[in-house]
Amino acid sequence: MGKKKGDSVVKISSELLRDVEEFIKLEENKFKYVNRKQFIDIAVAEKLKKEGKR
């Protein structure tokens, strides 16, 4: 799996990643979010939309 042009790596604390994993594992979330990256992408996009930045 190659890197797409424009993609970049962002470091996230291990504690926050642990919290994300636990959130994704919840019964009501396990089909909505496939993985951590997808969850973080959606969460950031929703936050930017809410703040009027997107």
C-alpha atoms as a PDB file:
ATOM      1  CA  MET A   1       0.000   0.000   0.000  1.00  0.00           C
ATOM      2  CA  GLY A   2       1.745   3.117  -1.211  1.00  0.00           C
ATOM      3  CA  LYS A   3       1.484   6.612   0.057  1.00  0.00           C
ATOM      4  CA  LYS A   4      -0.757   8.978  -1.885  1.00  0.00           C
ATOM      5  CA  LYS A   5       0.637  12.303  -2.987  1.00  0.00           C
ATOM      6  CA  GLY A   6      -0.089  14.869  -0.325  1.00  0.00           C
ATOM      7  CA  ASP A   7      -0.536  12.367   2.514  1.00  0.00           C
ATOM      8  CA  SER A   8       1.498  12.963   5.624  1.00  0.00           C
ATOM      9  CA  VAL A   9       2.164  11.327   8.949  1.00  0.00           C
ATOM     10  CA  VAL A  10       0.903  12.914  12.151  1.00  0.00           C
ATOM     11  CA  LYS A  11       2.025  11.724  15.569  1.00  0.00           C
ATOM     12  CA  ILE A  12      -0.754  11.129  18.083  1.00  0.00           C
ATOM     13  CA  SER A  13      -0.222  10.265  21.718  1.00  0.00           C
ATOM     14  CA  SER A  14      -0.495   6.588  22.573  1.00  0.00           C
ATOM     15  CA  GLU A  15      -3.061   7.426  25.264  1.00  0.00           C
ATOM     16  CA  LEU A  16      -5.322   9.145  22.746  1.00  0.00           C
ATOM     17  CA  LEU A  17      -4.942   6.255  20.294  1.00  0.00           C
ATOM     18  CA  ARG A  18      -5.897   3.838  23.066  1.00  0.00           C
ATOM     19  CA  ASP A  19      -9.040   5.880  23.720  1.00  0.00           C
ATOM     20  CA  VAL A  20      -9.876   5.882  19.996  1.00  0.00           C
ATOM     21  CA  GLU A  21      -9.456   2.091  19.823  1.00  0.00           C
ATOM     22  CA  GLU A  22     -11.784   1.615  22.804  1.00  0.00           C
ATOM     23  CA  PHE A  23     -14.356   3.951  21.249  1.00  0.00           C
ATOM     24  CA  ILE A  24     -14.248   2.066  17.937  1.00  0.00           C
ATOM     25  CA  LYS A  25     -14.696  -1.273  19.736  1.00  0.00           C
ATOM     26  CA  LEU A  26     -18.008  -0.181  21.262  1.00  0.00           C
ATOM     27  CA  GLU A  27     -20.920  -2.157  19.808  1.00  0.00           C
ATOM     28  CA  GLU A  28     -22.596   0.928  18.321  1.00  0.00           C
ATOM     29  CA  ASN A  29     -19.365   2.092  16.625  1.00  0.00           C
ATOM     30  CA  LYS A  30     -17.681  -1.026  15.287  1.00  0.00           C
ATOM     31  CA  PHE A  31     -19.379  -0.892  11.888  1.00  0.00           C
ATOM     32  CA  LYS A  32     -19.398   2.884  11.549  1.00  0.00           C
ATOM     33  CA  TYR A  33     -15.615   3.201  11.939  1.00  0.00           C
ATOM     34  CA  VAL A  34     -13.422   0.649  10.192  1.00  0.00           C
ATOM     35  CA  ASN A  35     -10.131   1.755  11.743  1.00  0.00           C
ATOM     36  CA  ARG A  36      -8.361   4.519  13.675  1.00  0.00           C
ATOM     37  CA  LYS A  37      -7.418   6.505  10.584  1.00  0.00           C
ATOM     38  CA  GLN A  38     -10.983   6.589   9.324  1.00  0.00           C
ATOM     39  CA  PHE A  39     -12.273   7.641  12.749  1.00  0.00           C
ATOM     40  CA  ILE A  40      -9.714  10.437  13.046  1.00  0.00           C
ATOM     41  CA  ASP A  41     -10.366  11.643   9.477  1.00  0.00           C
ATOM     42  CA  ILE A  42     -14.119  11.794  10.157  1.00  0.00           C
ATOM     43  CA  ALA A  43     -13.714  13.426  13.569  1.00  0.00           C
ATOM     44  CA  VAL A  44     -11.409  16.148  12.233  1.00  0.00           C
ATOM     45  CA  ALA A  45     -13.631  16.806   9.208  1.00  0.00           C
ATOM     46  CA  GLU A  46     -16.713  17.110  11.447  1.00  0.00           C
ATOM     47  CA  LYS A  47     -14.887  19.471  13.813  1.00  0.00           C
ATOM     48  CA  LEU A  48     -13.721  21.692  10.949  1.00  0.00           C
ATOM     49  CA  LYS A  49     -17.226  21.735   9.486  1.00  0.00           C
ATOM     50  CA  LYS A  50     -18.663  22.698  12.876  1.00  0.00           C
ATOM     51  CA  GLU A  51     -16.119  25.494  13.237  1.00  0.00           C
ATOM     52  CA  GLY A  52     -16.922  26.735   9.730  1.00  0.00           C
ATOM     53  CA  LYS A  53     -13.495  25.913   8.350  1.00  0.00           C
ATOM     54  CA  ARG A  54     -14.634  23.439   5.733  1.00  0.00           C
END
